[in-house]
C-alpha atoms as a PDB file:
ATOM      1  CA  MET A   1     -23.177  -2.127 -32.275  1.00  0.00           C
ATOM      2  CA  GLU A   2     -21.329  -5.255 -31.270  1.00  0.00           C
ATOM      3  CA  ARG A   3     -19.791  -5.602 -27.801  1.00  0.00           C
ATOM      4  CA  ILE A   4     -16.313  -7.085 -27.981  1.00  0.00           C
ATOM      5  CA  SER A   5     -14.241  -8.265 -25.030  1.00  0.00           C
ATOM      6  CA  VAL A   6     -10.705  -6.920 -25.047  1.00  0.00           C
ATOM      7  CA  ILE A   7      -8.067  -8.461 -22.835  1.00  0.00           C
ATOM      8  CA  ILE A   8      -5.405  -6.053 -21.603  1.00  0.00           C
ATOM      9  CA  GLU A   9      -2.212  -7.692 -20.389  1.00  0.00           C
ATOM     10  CA  ARG A  10       1.029  -6.357 -18.960  1.00  0.00           C
ATOM     11  CA  ASN A  11       4.057  -7.524 -20.929  1.00  0.00           C
ATOM     12  CA  SER A  12       7.372  -8.534 -19.356  1.00  0.00           C
ATOM     13  CA  ASP A  13       8.946  -5.242 -20.522  1.00  0.00           C
ATOM     14  CA  GLY A  14       6.301  -3.189 -18.658  1.00  0.00           C
ATOM     15  CA  THR A  15       4.264  -2.258 -21.740  1.00  0.00           C
ATOM     16  CA  PHE A  16       0.671  -3.301 -22.299  1.00  0.00           C
ATOM     17  CA  THR A  17      -1.170  -5.096 -25.084  1.00  0.00           C
ATOM     18  CA  ALA A  18      -4.921  -5.044 -25.790  1.00  0.00           C
ATOM     19  CA  ILE A  19      -6.229  -8.017 -27.742  1.00  0.00           C
ATOM     20  CA  PRO A  20      -9.856  -7.973 -28.929  1.00  0.00           C
ATOM     21  CA  GLN A  21     -11.705 -11.286 -28.863  1.00  0.00           C
ATOM     22  CA  HIS A  22     -13.685 -11.299 -32.097  1.00  0.00           C
ATOM     23  CA  ARG A  23     -14.565 -13.628 -34.969  1.00  0.00           C
ATOM     24  CA  TYR A  24     -13.641 -11.455 -37.924  1.00  0.00           C
ATOM     25  CA  LYS A  25     -10.874 -12.223 -40.394  1.00  0.00           C
ATOM     26  CA  ILE A  26      -8.910  -9.092 -39.731  1.00  0.00           C
ATOM     27  CA  GLY A  27      -6.547  -8.504 -36.873  1.00  0.00           C
ATOM     28  CA  PHE A  28      -6.071  -5.359 -34.875  1.00  0.00           C
ATOM     29  CA  ILE A  29      -4.538  -4.839 -31.451  1.00  0.00           C
ATOM     30  CA  GLY A  30      -3.407  -2.014 -29.213  1.00  0.00           C
ATOM     31  CA  THR A  31      -0.023  -1.534 -27.595  1.00  0.00           C
ATOM     32  CA  GLY A  32       1.356   1.165 -25.337  1.00  0.00           C
ATOM     33  CA  ASN A  33       3.250   2.192 -22.235  1.00  0.00           C
ATOM     34  CA  THR A  34       0.084   3.020 -20.272  1.00  0.00           C
ATOM     35  CA  ILE A  35      -3.466   1.705 -20.146  1.00  0.00           C
ATOM     36  CA  ASP A  36      -4.762   4.927 -21.723  1.00  0.00           C
ATOM     37  CA  ALA A  37      -2.175   4.664 -24.516  1.00  0.00           C
ATOM     38  CA  VAL A  38      -3.048   1.044 -25.241  1.00  0.00           C
ATOM     39  CA  LYS A  39      -6.771   1.889 -25.420  1.00  0.00           C
ATOM     40  CA  GLU A  40      -6.066   4.774 -27.799  1.00  0.00           C
ATOM     41  CA  ASP A  41      -3.840   2.593 -29.984  1.00  0.00           C
ATOM     42  CA  LEU A  42      -6.522  -0.105 -30.087  1.00  0.00           C
ATOM     43  CA  GLN A  43      -9.101   2.454 -31.206  1.00  0.00           C
ATOM     44  CA  ASN A  44      -6.742   3.701 -33.948  1.00  0.00           C
ATOM     45  CA  SER A  45      -6.034   0.124 -35.084  1.00  0.00           C
ATOM     46  CA  TYR A  46      -9.753  -0.601 -35.162  1.00  0.00           C
ATOM     47  CA  SER A  47     -10.397   2.533 -37.259  1.00  0.00           C
ATOM     48  CA  GLU A  48      -7.698   1.445 -39.719  1.00  0.00           C
ATOM     49  CA  ALA A  49      -9.193  -2.062 -39.854  1.00  0.00           C
ATOM     50  CA  ARG A  50     -12.610  -0.580 -40.722  1.00  0.00           C
ATOM     51  CA  GLU A  51     -11.028   1.339 -43.600  1.00  0.00           C
ATOM     52  CA  ILE A  52      -9.532  -1.894 -44.944  1.00  0.00           C
ATOM     53  CA  MET A  53     -12.644  -3.968 -44.251  1.00  0.00           C
ATOM     54  CA  PRO A  54     -15.741  -1.724 -44.464  1.00  0.00           C
ATOM     55  CA  SER A  55     -18.019  -4.641 -43.548  1.00  0.00           C
ATOM     56  CA  LEU A  56     -16.450  -4.746 -40.067  1.00  0.00           C
ATOM     57  CA  PRO A  57     -19.268  -3.709 -37.715  1.00  0.00           C
ATOM     58  CA  GLU A  58     -19.185  -0.904 -35.203  1.00  0.00           C
ATOM     59  CA  MET A  59     -17.733  -2.262 -31.996  1.00  0.00           C
ATOM     60  CA  GLU A  60     -17.946  -1.262 -28.376  1.00  0.00           C
ATOM     61  CA  PHE A  61     -15.007  -2.527 -26.368  1.00  0.00           C
ATOM     62  CA  GLU A  62     -15.433  -4.123 -22.954  1.00  0.00           C
ATOM     63  CA  TYR A  63     -12.074  -4.265 -21.209  1.00  0.00           C
ATOM     64  CA  LYS A  64     -10.837  -7.171 -19.131  1.00  0.00           C
ATOM     65  CA  PHE A  65      -7.522  -6.883 -17.328  1.00  0.00           C
ATOM     66  CA  ASP A  66      -4.888  -9.252 -16.091  1.00  0.00           C
ATOM     67  CA  THR A  67      -4.036  -8.434 -12.471  1.00  0.00           C
ATOM     68  CA  ALA A  68      -0.896  -6.401 -13.239  1.00  0.00           C
ATOM     69  CA  SER A  69      -2.756  -4.303 -15.821  1.00  0.00           C
ATOM     70  CA  PHE A  70      -5.683  -3.714 -13.486  1.00  0.00           C
ATOM     71  CA  LEU A  71      -3.378  -2.582 -10.691  1.00  0.00           C
ATOM     72  CA  GLN A  72      -1.698  -0.179 -13.124  1.00  0.00           C
ATOM     73  CA  TYR A  73      -5.093   1.060 -14.346  1.00  0.00           C
ATOM     74  CA  ILE A  74      -6.371   1.728 -10.831  1.00  0.00           C
ATOM     75  CA  ASN A  75      -3.125   3.447  -9.799  1.00  0.00           C
ATOM     76  CA  GLY A  76      -3.815   7.095  -9.055  1.00  0.00           C
ATOM     77  CA  ARG A  77      -7.431   6.335  -8.246  1.00  0.00           C
ATOM     78  CA  LEU A  78      -6.825   3.981  -5.334  1.00  0.00           C
ATOM     79  CA  SER A  79      -3.550   3.411  -3.531  1.00  0.00           C
ATOM     80  CA  LEU A  80      -2.176  -0.040  -2.795  1.00  0.00           C
ATOM     81  CA  ALA A  81      -3.004   0.649   0.859  1.00  0.00           C
ATOM     82  CA  ASP A  82      -6.625   1.273  -0.201  1.00  0.00           C
ATOM     83  CA  LEU A  83      -6.617  -1.955  -2.197  1.00  0.00           C
ATOM     84  CA  GLN A  84      -5.186  -3.769   0.816  1.00  0.00           C
ATOM     85  CA  THR A  85      -8.187  -2.584   2.837  1.00  0.00           C
ATOM     86  CA  ILE A  86     -10.617  -3.553   0.080  1.00  0.00           C
ATOM     87  CA  THR A  87      -9.123  -6.972  -0.735  1.00  0.00           C
ATOM     88  CA  GLY A  88      -7.357  -8.013   2.466  1.00  0.00           C
ATOM     89  CA  ILE A  89      -4.166  -8.657   0.475  1.00  0.00           C
ATOM     90  CA  ASN A  90      -0.951  -7.098   1.751  1.00  0.00           C
ATOM     91  CA  ARG A  91       0.004  -3.971  -0.221  1.00  0.00           C
ATOM     92  CA  HIS A  92       3.575  -5.218  -0.656  1.00  0.00           C
ATOM     93  CA  GLN A  93       2.226  -8.349  -2.323  1.00  0.00           C
ATOM     94  CA  LEU A  94      -0.080  -6.214  -4.473  1.00  0.00           C
ATOM     95  CA  SER A  95       2.997  -4.209  -5.489  1.00  0.00           C
ATOM     96  CA  HIS A  96       4.726  -7.417  -6.615  1.00  0.00           C
ATOM     97  CA  TYR A  97       1.678  -8.233  -8.757  1.00  0.00           C
ATOM     98  CA  ALA A  98       1.574  -4.700 -10.214  1.00  0.00           C
ATOM     99  CA  THR A  99       5.239  -4.758 -11.237  1.00  0.00           C
ATOM    100  CA  GLY A 100       5.157  -8.316 -12.549  1.00  0.00           C
ATOM    101  CA  LYS A 101       7.603  -9.610  -9.924  1.00  0.00           C
ATOM    102  CA  SER A 102       5.094 -12.314  -9.129  1.00  0.00           C
ATOM    103  CA  ARG A 103       1.770 -13.540 -10.435  1.00  0.00           C
ATOM    104  CA  PRO A 104      -1.229 -14.125  -8.200  1.00  0.00           C
ATOM    105  CA  SER A 105      -2.792 -17.555  -7.940  1.00  0.00           C
ATOM    106  CA  PRO A 106      -6.304 -17.993  -9.369  1.00  0.00           C
ATOM    107  CA  LYS A 107      -7.615 -17.959  -5.781  1.00  0.00           C
ATOM    108  CA  THR A 108      -5.906 -14.608  -5.140  1.00  0.00           C
ATOM    109  CA  VAL A 109      -7.223 -13.170  -8.418  1.00  0.00           C
ATOM    110  CA  GLN A 110     -10.721 -14.171  -7.309  1.00  0.00           C
ATOM    111  CA  ARG A 111     -10.113 -12.567  -3.915  1.00  0.00           C
ATOM    112  CA  ILE A 112      -9.099  -9.296  -5.591  1.00  0.00           C
ATOM    113  CA  GLN A 113     -12.104  -9.506  -7.925  1.00  0.00           C
ATOM    114  CA  ASN A 114     -14.513 -10.137  -5.050  1.00  0.00           C
ATOM    115  CA  GLY A 115     -13.095  -7.258  -2.988  1.00  0.00           C
ATOM    116  CA  ILE A 116     -13.376  -4.838  -5.900  1.00  0.00           C
ATOM    117  CA  LEU A 117     -16.932  -5.957  -6.698  1.00  0.00           C
ATOM    118  CA  GLN A 118     -18.023  -5.638  -3.077  1.00  0.00           C
ATOM    119  CA  PHE A 119     -16.478  -2.158  -2.844  1.00  0.00           C
ATOM    120  CA  SER A 120     -18.136  -1.179  -6.116  1.00  0.00           C
ATOM    121  CA  GLU A 121     -21.524  -2.330  -4.839  1.00  0.00           C
ATOM    122  CA  GLU A 122     -21.005  -0.329  -1.642  1.00  0.00           C
ATOM    123  CA  LEU A 123     -20.198   2.780  -3.690  1.00  0.00           C
ATOM    124  CA  HIS A 124     -23.199   2.172  -5.911  1.00  0.00           C
ATOM    125  CA  ARG A 125     -25.480   2.344  -2.851  1.00  0.00           C
ATOM    126  CA  VAL A 126     -24.056   5.709  -1.707  1.00  0.00           C
ATOM    127  CA  CYS A 127     -26.378   8.660  -2.043  1.00  0.00           C
ATOM    128  CA  LEU A 128     -24.972  12.126  -1.486  1.00  0.00           C
ATOM    129  CA  VAL A 129     -27.251  14.804  -0.062  1.00  0.00           C
END
């Protein structure tokens, strides 16, 4: 099974697009109003592509998000106030990134990434008894 990076981006109209990064001569993408919908559409497009091109290998998708898409994806799991605590970035600013009102600088993206990774590592070390 081949691991393929898929970039999920938020479009200006609020929808999302998933674009796989592969080397094959057949195109397939996912689109949708939510992250779950875009993933499902990508899987359906991939299945259709395999019907057209049977030599297309089995693929496992590894998702990468732009900031707005990630904030939408995490919504309902962590609040913007939680993300403010984790990243040190004001929740109002995070809201602007989530809605597409503004785009974070590369330095801010890295700050969000580092906060999430550090929080993830802390959770990974938790042991419930």
